[in-house]
C-alpha atoms as a PDB file:
ATOM      1  CA  UNK A   1     -35.133  -8.106 -16.482  1.00  0.00           C
ATOM      2  CA  UNK A   2     -35.935 -10.003 -13.739  1.00  0.00           C
ATOM      3  CA  UNK A   3     -32.531 -12.830 -14.326  1.00  0.00           C
ATOM      4  CA  UNK A   4     -30.254  -9.227 -14.719  1.00  0.00           C
ATOM      5  CA  UNK A   5     -31.693  -7.184 -11.728  1.00  0.00           C
ATOM      6  CA  UNK A   6     -30.872 -11.453 -10.061  1.00  0.00           C
ATOM      7  CA  UNK A   7     -27.428 -10.941 -11.029  1.00  0.00           C
ATOM      8  CA  UNK A   8     -27.016  -7.136 -10.285  1.00  0.00           C
ATOM      9  CA  UNK A   9     -27.894  -7.843  -6.979  1.00  0.00           C
ATOM     10  CA  UNK A  10     -25.753 -11.294  -6.093  1.00  0.00           C
ATOM     11  CA  UNK A  11     -21.893  -9.700  -5.969  1.00  0.00           C
ATOM     12  CA  UNK A  12     -23.676  -7.089  -3.263  1.00  0.00           C
ATOM     13  CA  UNK A  13     -25.403 -10.256  -1.566  1.00  0.00           C
ATOM     14  CA  UNK A  14     -22.022 -11.865  -1.498  1.00  0.00           C
ATOM     15  CA  UNK A  15     -19.961  -8.598  -0.191  1.00  0.00           C
ATOM     16  CA  UNK A  16     -22.695  -8.119   2.270  1.00  0.00           C
ATOM     17  CA  UNK A  17     -22.425 -11.672   4.109  1.00  0.00           C
ATOM     18  CA  UNK A  18     -18.868 -11.525   3.438  1.00  0.00           C
ATOM     19  CA  UNK A  19     -17.939  -8.436   3.870  1.00  0.00           C
ATOM     20  CA  UNK A  20     -20.114  -5.759   5.233  1.00  0.00           C
ATOM     21  CA  UNK A  21     -21.324  -8.038   7.845  1.00  0.00           C
ATOM     22  CA  UNK A  22     -18.177  -8.743   9.094  1.00  0.00           C
ATOM     23  CA  UNK A  23     -16.731  -5.365   9.339  1.00  0.00           C
ATOM     24  CA  UNK A  24     -19.597  -4.558  11.218  1.00  0.00           C
ATOM     25  CA  UNK A  25     -18.705  -7.018  13.885  1.00  0.00           C
ATOM     26  CA  UNK A  26     -15.207  -6.114  13.659  1.00  0.00           C
ATOM     27  CA  UNK A  27     -16.317  -2.387  14.024  1.00  0.00           C
ATOM     28  CA  UNK A  28     -18.383  -3.523  17.459  1.00  0.00           C
ATOM     29  CA  UNK A  29     -15.882  -5.189  19.007  1.00  0.00           C
ATOM     30  CA  UNK A  30     -12.944  -2.019  18.668  1.00  0.00           C
ATOM     31  CA  UNK A  31     -15.574   0.060  20.771  1.00  0.00           C
ATOM     32  CA  UNK A  32     -16.197  -2.472  23.507  1.00  0.00           C
ATOM     33  CA  UNK A  33     -14.222  -3.502  26.596  1.00  0.00           C
ATOM     34  CA  UNK A  34     -12.399  -6.882  27.222  1.00  0.00           C
ATOM     35  CA  UNK A  35     -14.006  -8.875  29.925  1.00  0.00           C
ATOM     36  CA  UNK A  36     -13.073 -12.176  32.005  1.00  0.00           C
ATOM     37  CA  UNK A  37     -16.619 -13.785  30.199  1.00  0.00           C
ATOM     38  CA  UNK A  38     -17.556 -16.012  26.929  1.00  0.00           C
ATOM     39  CA  UNK A  39     -17.168 -13.903  24.960  1.00  0.00           C
ATOM     40  CA  UNK A  40     -14.908 -11.602  26.498  1.00  0.00           C
ATOM     41  CA  UNK A  41     -16.103  -8.833  25.073  1.00  0.00           C
ATOM     42  CA  UNK A  42     -18.573  -6.601  26.468  1.00  0.00           C
ATOM     43  CA  UNK A  43     -21.376  -4.884  26.180  1.00  0.00           C
ATOM     44  CA  UNK A  44     -23.693  -7.378  25.061  1.00  0.00           C
ATOM     45  CA  UNK A  45     -27.348  -6.757  24.186  1.00  0.00           C
ATOM     46  CA  UNK A  46     -29.917  -7.368  26.970  1.00  0.00           C
ATOM     47  CA  UNK A  47     -32.873  -8.243  24.587  1.00  0.00           C
ATOM     48  CA  UNK A  48     -35.063  -9.576  27.724  1.00  0.00           C
ATOM     49  CA  UNK A  49     -35.276  -5.093  28.120  1.00  0.00           C
ATOM     50  CA  UNK A  50     -36.077  -4.745  24.763  1.00  0.00           C
ATOM     51  CA  UNK A  51     -35.325  -0.958  23.570  1.00  0.00           C
ATOM     52  CA  UNK A  52     -33.665   0.227  27.183  1.00  0.00           C
ATOM     53  CA  UNK A  53     -31.858  -2.539  26.470  1.00  0.00           C
ATOM     54  CA  UNK A  54     -30.887  -1.776  22.823  1.00  0.00           C
ATOM     55  CA  UNK A  55     -29.863   1.972  24.303  1.00  0.00           C
ATOM     56  CA  UNK A  56     -27.793   1.007  26.942  1.00  0.00           C
ATOM     57  CA  UNK A  57     -26.151  -1.450  24.243  1.00  0.00           C
ATOM     58  CA  UNK A  58     -24.961   1.469  22.311  1.00  0.00           C
ATOM     59  CA  UNK A  59     -24.909   3.749  25.488  1.00  0.00           C
ATOM     60  CA  UNK A  60     -21.649   1.228  26.654  1.00  0.00           C
ATOM     61  CA  UNK A  61     -19.308   1.670  22.927  1.00  0.00           C
ATOM     62  CA  UNK A  62     -16.979   4.139  23.569  1.00  0.00           C
ATOM     63  CA  UNK A  63     -13.297   4.471  22.113  1.00  0.00           C
ATOM     64  CA  UNK A  64     -11.197   3.747  24.949  1.00  0.00           C
ATOM     65  CA  UNK A  65      -9.275   0.858  23.143  1.00  0.00           C
ATOM     66  CA  UNK A  66      -8.140   3.231  19.971  1.00  0.00           C
ATOM     67  CA  UNK A  67      -7.328   5.354  22.257  1.00  0.00           C
ATOM     68  CA  UNK A  68      -5.015   2.949  24.173  1.00  0.00           C
ATOM     69  CA  UNK A  69      -3.214   1.999  20.970  1.00  0.00           C
ATOM     70  CA  UNK A  70      -2.095   5.125  20.492  1.00  0.00           C
ATOM     71  CA  UNK A  71      -0.861   5.345  23.688  1.00  0.00           C
ATOM     72  CA  UNK A  72       0.908   2.543  23.660  1.00  0.00           C
ATOM     73  CA  UNK A  73       4.195   2.253  22.158  1.00  0.00           C
ATOM     74  CA  UNK A  74       4.008  -1.369  21.450  1.00  0.00           C
ATOM     75  CA  UNK A  75       1.290  -0.993  18.616  1.00  0.00           C
ATOM     76  CA  UNK A  76       2.391   1.671  17.324  1.00  0.00           C
ATOM     77  CA  UNK A  77       5.968   0.440  16.946  1.00  0.00           C
ATOM     78  CA  UNK A  78       4.120  -2.411  15.237  1.00  0.00           C
ATOM     79  CA  UNK A  79       2.246   0.246  13.032  1.00  0.00           C
ATOM     80  CA  UNK A  80       5.522   1.780  11.827  1.00  0.00           C
ATOM     81  CA  UNK A  81       7.409  -1.515  11.947  1.00  0.00           C
ATOM     82  CA  UNK A  82       4.464  -3.344   9.280  1.00  0.00           C
ATOM     83  CA  UNK A  83       4.789   0.057   6.910  1.00  0.00           C
ATOM     84  CA  UNK A  84       8.451   0.139   7.134  1.00  0.00           C
ATOM     85  CA  UNK A  85       8.909  -3.720   6.178  1.00  0.00           C
ATOM     86  CA  UNK A  86       6.171  -3.617   3.461  1.00  0.00           C
ATOM     87  CA  UNK A  87       8.036  -0.769   1.839  1.00  0.00           C
ATOM     88  CA  UNK A  88      11.417  -1.724   1.947  1.00  0.00           C
ATOM     89  CA  UNK A  89      10.011  -5.160   0.529  1.00  0.00           C
ATOM     90  CA  UNK A  90       7.868  -3.591  -2.262  1.00  0.00           C
ATOM     91  CA  UNK A  91      10.756  -1.834  -3.651  1.00  0.00           C
ATOM     92  CA  UNK A  92      13.067  -4.435  -3.564  1.00  0.00           C
ATOM     93  CA  UNK A  93      10.431  -6.279  -5.403  1.00  0.00           C
ATOM     94  CA  UNK A  94      10.135  -3.542  -7.608  1.00  0.00           C
ATOM     95  CA  UNK A  95      14.034  -3.166  -8.596  1.00  0.00           C
ATOM     96  CA  UNK A  96      14.514  -7.010  -9.027  1.00  0.00           C
ATOM     97  CA  UNK A  97      10.965  -7.638 -10.603  1.00  0.00           C
ATOM     98  CA  UNK A  98      11.384  -4.941 -13.039  1.00  0.00           C
ATOM     99  CA  UNK A  99      14.298  -6.545 -14.943  1.00  0.00           C
ATOM    100  CA  UNK A 100      12.781 -10.049 -14.797  1.00  0.00           C
ATOM    101  CA  UNK A 101       9.293  -8.436 -16.390  1.00  0.00           C
ATOM    102  CA  UNK A 102      11.513  -6.996 -18.917  1.00  0.00           C
ATOM    103  CA  UNK A 103      13.510  -9.746 -20.184  1.00  0.00           C
ATOM    104  CA  UNK A 104      10.640 -12.255 -20.812  1.00  0.00           C
ATOM    105  CA  UNK A 105       8.740  -9.527 -22.395  1.00  0.00           C
ATOM    106  CA  UNK A 106      11.573  -9.542 -24.549  1.00  0.00           C
ATOM    107  CA  UNK A 107      12.094 -12.943 -25.695  1.00  0.00           C
ATOM    108  CA  UNK A 108      10.820 -14.351 -28.474  1.00  0.00           C
ATOM    109  CA  UNK A 109       6.989 -15.663 -28.190  1.00  0.00           C
ATOM    110  CA  UNK A 110       7.436 -19.527 -26.947  1.00  0.00           C
ATOM    111  CA  UNK A 111       9.919 -18.211 -24.268  1.00  0.00           C
ATOM    112  CA  UNK A 112       7.789 -16.309 -23.144  1.00  0.00           C
ATOM    113  CA  UNK A 113       4.997 -19.148 -22.031  1.00  0.00           C
ATOM    114  CA  UNK A 114       7.389 -20.764 -20.667  1.00  0.00           C
ATOM    115  CA  UNK A 115       9.436 -18.017 -18.665  1.00  0.00           C
ATOM    116  CA  UNK A 116       5.896 -16.811 -17.299  1.00  0.00           C
ATOM    117  CA  UNK A 117       4.783 -20.497 -16.474  1.00  0.00           C
ATOM    118  CA  UNK A 118       8.014 -20.575 -14.310  1.00  0.00           C
ATOM    119  CA  UNK A 119       7.156 -17.413 -12.528  1.00  0.00           C
ATOM    120  CA  UNK A 120       3.733 -18.509 -11.749  1.00  0.00           C
ATOM    121  CA  UNK A 121       5.101 -22.327 -10.951  1.00  0.00           C
ATOM    122  CA  UNK A 122       6.038 -21.725  -7.276  1.00  0.00           C
ATOM    123  CA  UNK A 123       2.166 -21.365  -6.253  1.00  0.00           C
ATOM    124  CA  UNK A 124       1.842 -24.607  -7.292  1.00  0.00           C
ATOM    125  CA  UNK A 125       3.497 -25.914  -3.699  1.00  0.00           C
ATOM    126  CA  UNK A 126       2.114 -25.015  -0.514  1.00  0.00           C
ATOM    127  CA  UNK A 127       2.805 -21.831   1.093  1.00  0.00           C
ATOM    128  CA  UNK A 128       4.205 -22.919   4.143  1.00  0.00           C
ATOM    129  CA  UNK A 129       6.039 -25.720   2.812  1.00  0.00           C
ATOM    130  CA  UNK A 130       8.204 -22.644   0.848  1.00  0.00           C
ATOM    131  CA  UNK A 131       8.381 -20.657   4.281  1.00  0.00           C
ATOM    132  CA  UNK A 132       9.664 -23.962   6.092  1.00  0.00           C
ATOM    133  CA  UNK A 133      11.998 -24.705   2.993  1.00  0.00           C
ATOM    134  CA  UNK A 134      13.769 -21.042   3.464  1.00  0.00           C
ATOM    135  CA  UNK A 135      13.900 -21.831   7.282  1.00  0.00           C
ATOM    136  CA  UNK A 136      15.856 -24.615   6.824  1.00  0.00           C
ATOM    137  CA  UNK A 137      18.155 -22.515   4.402  1.00  0.00           C
ATOM    138  CA  UNK A 138      18.609 -19.668   6.765  1.00  0.00           C
ATOM    139  CA  UNK A 139      18.545 -21.952  10.203  1.00  0.00           C
ATOM    140  CA  UNK A 140      22.193 -21.442  11.828  1.00  0.00           C
ATOM    141  CA  UNK A 141      22.871 -25.709  10.858  1.00  0.00           C
ATOM    142  CA  UNK A 142      20.961 -25.234   7.559  1.00  0.00           C
ATOM    143  CA  UNK A 143      22.181 -25.387   4.092  1.00  0.00           C
ATOM    144  CA  UNK A 144      23.240 -21.804   3.623  1.00  0.00           C
ATOM    145  CA  UNK A 145      25.535 -21.390   6.186  1.00  0.00           C
ATOM    146  CA  UNK A 146      26.888 -25.672   5.578  1.00  0.00           C
ATOM    147  CA  UNK A 147      27.723 -23.742   2.192  1.00  0.00           C
ATOM    148  CA  UNK A 148      29.628 -20.727   3.811  1.00  0.00           C
ATOM    149  CA  UNK A 149      31.461 -23.014   6.162  1.00  0.00           C
ATOM    150  CA  UNK A 150      32.255 -25.316   2.691  1.00  0.00           C
ATOM    151  CA  UNK A 151      33.713 -22.151   1.311  1.00  0.00           C
ATOM    152  CA  UNK A 152      35.829 -21.010   4.329  1.00  0.00           C
ATOM    153  CA  UNK A 153      33.611 -18.215   4.723  1.00  0.00           C
ATOM    154  CA  UNK A 154      31.991 -17.709   8.900  1.00  0.00           C
ATOM    155  CA  UNK A 155      28.638 -18.300   9.234  1.00  0.00           C
ATOM    156  CA  UNK A 156      25.552 -15.662   9.021  1.00  0.00           C
ATOM    157  CA  UNK A 157      22.831 -15.048  11.874  1.00  0.00           C
ATOM    158  CA  UNK A 158      19.810 -14.269   9.370  1.00  0.00           C
ATOM    159  CA  UNK A 159      17.025 -16.173  10.433  1.00  0.00           C
ATOM    160  CA  UNK A 160      14.222 -14.436  13.471  1.00  0.00           C
ATOM    161  CA  UNK A 161      15.234 -11.022  12.022  1.00  0.00           C
ATOM    162  CA  UNK A 162      13.832  -8.321   9.878  1.00  0.00           C
ATOM    163  CA  UNK A 163      16.164  -9.381   7.306  1.00  0.00           C
ATOM    164  CA  UNK A 164      14.233 -12.810   7.421  1.00  0.00           C
ATOM    165  CA  UNK A 165      11.080 -11.382   7.046  1.00  0.00           C
ATOM    166  CA  UNK A 166      11.409  -9.130   4.163  1.00  0.00           C
ATOM    167  CA  UNK A 167      13.755 -11.907   2.270  1.00  0.00           C
ATOM    168  CA  UNK A 168      10.629 -14.133   2.950  1.00  0.00           C
ATOM    169  CA  UNK A 169       8.223 -11.055   1.992  1.00  0.00           C
ATOM    170  CA  UNK A 170      10.353 -10.768  -1.644  1.00  0.00           C
ATOM    171  CA  UNK A 171      10.469 -14.227  -2.208  1.00  0.00           C
ATOM    172  CA  UNK A 172       7.020 -15.122  -1.715  1.00  0.00           C
ATOM    173  CA  UNK A 173       5.368 -12.185  -3.657  1.00  0.00           C
ATOM    174  CA  UNK A 174       8.004 -11.901  -6.556  1.00  0.00           C
ATOM    175  CA  UNK A 175       5.246 -13.443  -8.731  1.00  0.00           C
ATOM    176  CA  UNK A 176       3.302 -10.486  -8.059  1.00  0.00           C
ATOM    177  CA  UNK A 177       5.017  -7.974  -8.572  1.00  0.00           C
ATOM    178  CA  UNK A 178       6.516  -9.254 -12.296  1.00  0.00           C
ATOM    179  CA  UNK A 179       3.032 -10.201 -13.302  1.00  0.00           C
ATOM    180  CA  UNK A 180       1.564  -6.850 -13.639  1.00  0.00           C
ATOM    181  CA  UNK A 181       5.065  -5.353 -15.338  1.00  0.00           C
ATOM    182  CA  UNK A 182       5.049  -8.033 -17.560  1.00  0.00           C
ATOM    183  CA  UNK A 183       0.886  -7.515 -18.822  1.00  0.00           C
ATOM    184  CA  UNK A 184       2.125  -3.742 -19.421  1.00  0.00           C
ATOM    185  CA  UNK A 185       5.501  -4.344 -20.845  1.00  0.00           C
ATOM    186  CA  UNK A 186       4.577  -7.362 -23.287  1.00  0.00           C
ATOM    187  CA  UNK A 187       1.535  -4.806 -25.169  1.00  0.00           C
ATOM    188  CA  UNK A 188       4.080  -1.894 -25.569  1.00  0.00           C
ATOM    189  CA  UNK A 189       4.646  -1.398 -28.943  1.00  0.00           C
ATOM    190  CA  UNK A 190       8.047  -2.083 -30.232  1.00  0.00           C
ATOM    191  CA  UNK A 191       7.583   0.809 -32.927  1.00  0.00           C
ATOM    192  CA  UNK A 192       7.906   3.564 -30.280  1.00  0.00           C
ATOM    193  CA  UNK A 193      11.472   1.915 -29.544  1.00  0.00           C
ATOM    194  CA  UNK A 194      12.599   1.808 -32.967  1.00  0.00           C
ATOM    195  CA  UNK A 195      11.175   5.769 -33.565  1.00  0.00           C
ATOM    196  CA  UNK A 196      13.307   6.813 -30.589  1.00  0.00           C
ATOM    197  CA  UNK A 197      16.418   4.984 -32.262  1.00  0.00           C
ATOM    198  CA  UNK A 198      15.773   6.675 -35.408  1.00  0.00           C
ATOM    199  CA  UNK A 199      15.411  10.005 -33.556  1.00  0.00           C
ATOM    200  CA  UNK A 200      19.218   9.541 -32.468  1.00  0.00           C
ATOM    201  CA  UNK A 201      18.565   8.139 -28.888  1.00  0.00           C
ATOM    202  CA  UNK A 202      20.755   5.700 -27.804  1.00  0.00           C
ATOM    203  CA  UNK A 203      19.155   2.033 -26.954  1.00  0.00           C
ATOM    204  CA  UNK A 204      19.526   3.026 -22.563  1.00  0.00           C
ATOM    205  CA  UNK A 205      17.758   6.722 -23.606  1.00  0.00           C
ATOM    206  CA  UNK A 206      15.107   4.713 -25.565  1.00  0.00           C
ATOM    207  CA  UNK A 207      14.283   2.859 -22.099  1.00  0.00           C
ATOM    208  CA  UNK A 208      14.304   5.284 -19.998  1.00  0.00           C
ATOM    209  CA  UNK A 209      12.442   7.984 -22.067  1.00  0.00           C
ATOM    210  CA  UNK A 210       9.813   5.376 -23.698  1.00  0.00           C
ATOM    211  CA  UNK A 211       9.882   2.083 -22.375  1.00  0.00           C
ATOM    212  CA  UNK A 212       9.877   2.778 -18.259  1.00  0.00           C
ATOM    213  CA  UNK A 213       6.914   5.920 -18.327  1.00  0.00           C
ATOM    214  CA  UNK A 214       4.739   3.808 -20.421  1.00  0.00           C
ATOM    215  CA  UNK A 215       5.557   0.908 -17.418  1.00  0.00           C
ATOM    216  CA  UNK A 216       4.665   3.014 -14.353  1.00  0.00           C
ATOM    217  CA  UNK A 217       1.231   2.358 -14.591  1.00  0.00           C
ATOM    218  CA  UNK A 218       2.382  -1.608 -14.448  1.00  0.00           C
ATOM    219  CA  UNK A 219       4.920  -0.647 -11.712  1.00  0.00           C
ATOM    220  CA  UNK A 220       2.747   1.075  -9.769  1.00  0.00           C
ATOM    221  CA  UNK A 221      -0.016  -1.481  -9.906  1.00  0.00           C
ATOM    222  CA  UNK A 222       2.593  -4.264  -8.808  1.00  0.00           C
ATOM    223  CA  UNK A 223       4.128  -2.008  -6.095  1.00  0.00           C
ATOM    224  CA  UNK A 224       0.659  -1.414  -4.340  1.00  0.00           C
ATOM    225  CA  UNK A 225      -0.693  -5.058  -5.148  1.00  0.00           C
ATOM    226  CA  UNK A 226       2.131  -6.462  -3.105  1.00  0.00           C
ATOM    227  CA  UNK A 227       2.459  -3.290  -0.101  1.00  0.00           C
ATOM    228  CA  UNK A 228      -1.158  -4.175   0.701  1.00  0.00           C
ATOM    229  CA  UNK A 229      -1.118  -7.914   2.088  1.00  0.00           C
ATOM    230  CA  UNK A 230       2.623  -7.558   3.287  1.00  0.00           C
ATOM    231  CA  UNK A 231       1.610  -4.927   5.720  1.00  0.00           C
ATOM    232  CA  UNK A 232      -1.033  -7.336   7.428  1.00  0.00           C
ATOM    233  CA  UNK A 233       1.205 -10.381   6.746  1.00  0.00           C
ATOM    234  CA  UNK A 234       0.946 -13.539   9.271  1.00  0.00           C
ATOM    235  CA  UNK A 235       3.165 -15.971   8.643  1.00  0.00           C
ATOM    236  CA  UNK A 236       6.194 -15.058   7.595  1.00  0.00           C
ATOM    237  CA  UNK A 237       6.783 -12.730  10.249  1.00  0.00           C
ATOM    238  CA  UNK A 238       5.409 -15.306  12.720  1.00  0.00           C
ATOM    239  CA  UNK A 239       7.948 -18.340  10.868  1.00  0.00           C
ATOM    240  CA  UNK A 240      10.657 -16.247   9.973  1.00  0.00           C
ATOM    241  CA  UNK A 241      11.319 -13.187  12.801  1.00  0.00           C
ATOM    242  CA  UNK A 242      11.989 -12.861  15.471  1.00  0.00           C
ATOM    243  CA  UNK A 243      10.486 -11.855  18.730  1.00  0.00           C
ATOM    244  CA  UNK A 244      11.509  -8.201  17.978  1.00  0.00           C
ATOM    245  CA  UNK A 245       9.975  -8.290  14.444  1.00  0.00           C
ATOM    246  CA  UNK A 246       7.003  -6.871  15.042  1.00  0.00           C
ATOM    247  CA  UNK A 247       4.041  -6.800  12.518  1.00  0.00           C
ATOM    248  CA  UNK A 248       0.283  -5.796  13.012  1.00  0.00           C
ATOM    249  CA  UNK A 249      -0.737  -9.275  11.741  1.00  0.00           C
ATOM    250  CA  UNK A 250       1.020 -11.049  14.516  1.00  0.00           C
ATOM    251  CA  UNK A 251      -0.014  -8.403  16.921  1.00  0.00           C
ATOM    252  CA  UNK A 252      -3.772  -9.326  15.890  1.00  0.00           C
ATOM    253  CA  UNK A 253      -3.258 -13.113  15.921  1.00  0.00           C
ATOM    254  CA  UNK A 254      -1.706 -12.855  19.649  1.00  0.00           C
ATOM    255  CA  UNK A 255      -4.743  -9.849  21.141  1.00  0.00           C
ATOM    256  CA  UNK A 256      -7.172 -12.587  19.582  1.00  0.00           C
ATOM    257  CA  UNK A 257      -5.404 -16.290  20.723  1.00  0.00           C
ATOM    258  CA  UNK A 258      -3.663 -15.214  23.636  1.00  0.00           C
ATOM    259  CA  UNK A 259      -4.239 -12.297  25.643  1.00  0.00           C
ATOM    260  CA  UNK A 260      -7.425 -12.809  24.319  1.00  0.00           C
ATOM    261  CA  UNK A 261      -8.635  -9.154  24.202  1.00  0.00           C
ATOM    262  CA  UNK A 262     -10.851  -9.307  21.297  1.00  0.00           C
ATOM    263  CA  UNK A 263     -11.387  -5.524  21.614  1.00  0.00           C
ATOM    264  CA  UNK A 264      -7.810  -4.528  20.828  1.00  0.00           C
ATOM    265  CA  UNK A 265      -7.329  -6.749  17.944  1.00  0.00           C
ATOM    266  CA  UNK A 266     -10.229  -5.863  16.640  1.00  0.00           C
ATOM    267  CA  UNK A 267      -9.210  -1.772  16.993  1.00  0.00           C
ATOM    268  CA  UNK A 268      -5.865  -3.275  14.999  1.00  0.00           C
ATOM    269  CA  UNK A 269      -7.450  -4.505  12.731  1.00  0.00           C
ATOM    270  CA  UNK A 270      -9.367  -1.293  11.999  1.00  0.00           C
ATOM    271  CA  UNK A 271      -6.334   0.823  12.281  1.00  0.00           C
ATOM    272  CA  UNK A 272      -4.673  -1.430   9.699  1.00  0.00           C
ATOM    273  CA  UNK A 273      -7.770  -1.456   7.113  1.00  0.00           C
ATOM    274  CA  UNK A 274      -8.301   2.508   7.776  1.00  0.00           C
ATOM    275  CA  UNK A 275      -4.124   2.512   7.037  1.00  0.00           C
ATOM    276  CA  UNK A 276      -4.485   0.205   3.720  1.00  0.00           C
ATOM    277  CA  UNK A 277      -7.659   2.254   2.508  1.00  0.00           C
ATOM    278  CA  UNK A 278      -5.613   4.685   0.433  1.00  0.00           C
ATOM    279  CA  UNK A 279      -3.220   2.049  -0.921  1.00  0.00           C
ATOM    280  CA  UNK A 280      -6.178  -0.188  -2.197  1.00  0.00           C
ATOM    281  CA  UNK A 281      -8.170   2.792  -3.823  1.00  0.00           C
ATOM    282  CA  UNK A 282      -4.589   3.777  -5.856  1.00  0.00           C
ATOM    283  CA  UNK A 283      -4.052   0.191  -6.577  1.00  0.00           C
ATOM    284  CA  UNK A 284      -7.897   0.221  -8.327  1.00  0.00           C
ATOM    285  CA  UNK A 285      -6.895   3.253  -9.808  1.00  0.00           C
ATOM    286  CA  UNK A 286      -4.055   1.677 -11.479  1.00  0.00           C
ATOM    287  CA  UNK A 287      -5.138  -1.079 -12.208  1.00  0.00           C
ATOM    288  CA  UNK A 288      -8.115   0.424 -14.417  1.00  0.00           C
ATOM    289  CA  UNK A 289      -5.380   2.163 -16.366  1.00  0.00           C
ATOM    290  CA  UNK A 290      -3.378  -1.411 -16.873  1.00  0.00           C
ATOM    291  CA  UNK A 291      -6.422  -3.165 -18.361  1.00  0.00           C
ATOM    292  CA  UNK A 292      -7.328   0.047 -20.794  1.00  0.00           C
END
């Protein structure tokens, strides 16, 4: 009994130390005010005053930073841009990933293993190396423009644009879309397709009436699994996006390390978490359906 209780307490202890406490700390910072001090925020508890110091601390907390976020076009624009870019990349991932997952699921068993390994293979390489490889391809004197010049075509200027960010996101998160879809498509009963064709459906009609509806839980799980981290992505927008490509991940980094406005950065992080809370709950629900 004691071992069972201890095993049950360990996850709660882990979440308390590595999620609940950091979240409360960030929430407290978001209600503070920026200050020219170390650390660069106020108020702080004056323990020498005892209970009065604690009461003064809570009384000094306010929501002015959140009010500033709603009135500043920079933050609102970064929030909308993050949702637009992540949504666009998620839609492209579904369009690209579904045919790949469908093709793998319909291959012979031996070929499936090799193809799934090919999907996972990019994870064996450093994420930063893969991003820098795309920079080498897309830069003005990069591989892409050299190839276009060899074909007699005009060069293209993609790097440091929103299109480059979307391209980088699609490349980086494609396995996260393919694998959930493949898991659902691989478990489908092929006899259902045969029954639909016996009842007069063409292969295309059987796909749209049987295969596609049954794969929707996997598609929803893949979209949410990609959209949630992409909305807060920092590395790809910072390296492949220009100064006009704003996403909340870059805003948080800038406020923390460049502007040293920890309350603003914490408030942006809380807003991002609140925005992603609904997709996270939806993803958990869809994941439960997939695992049934």
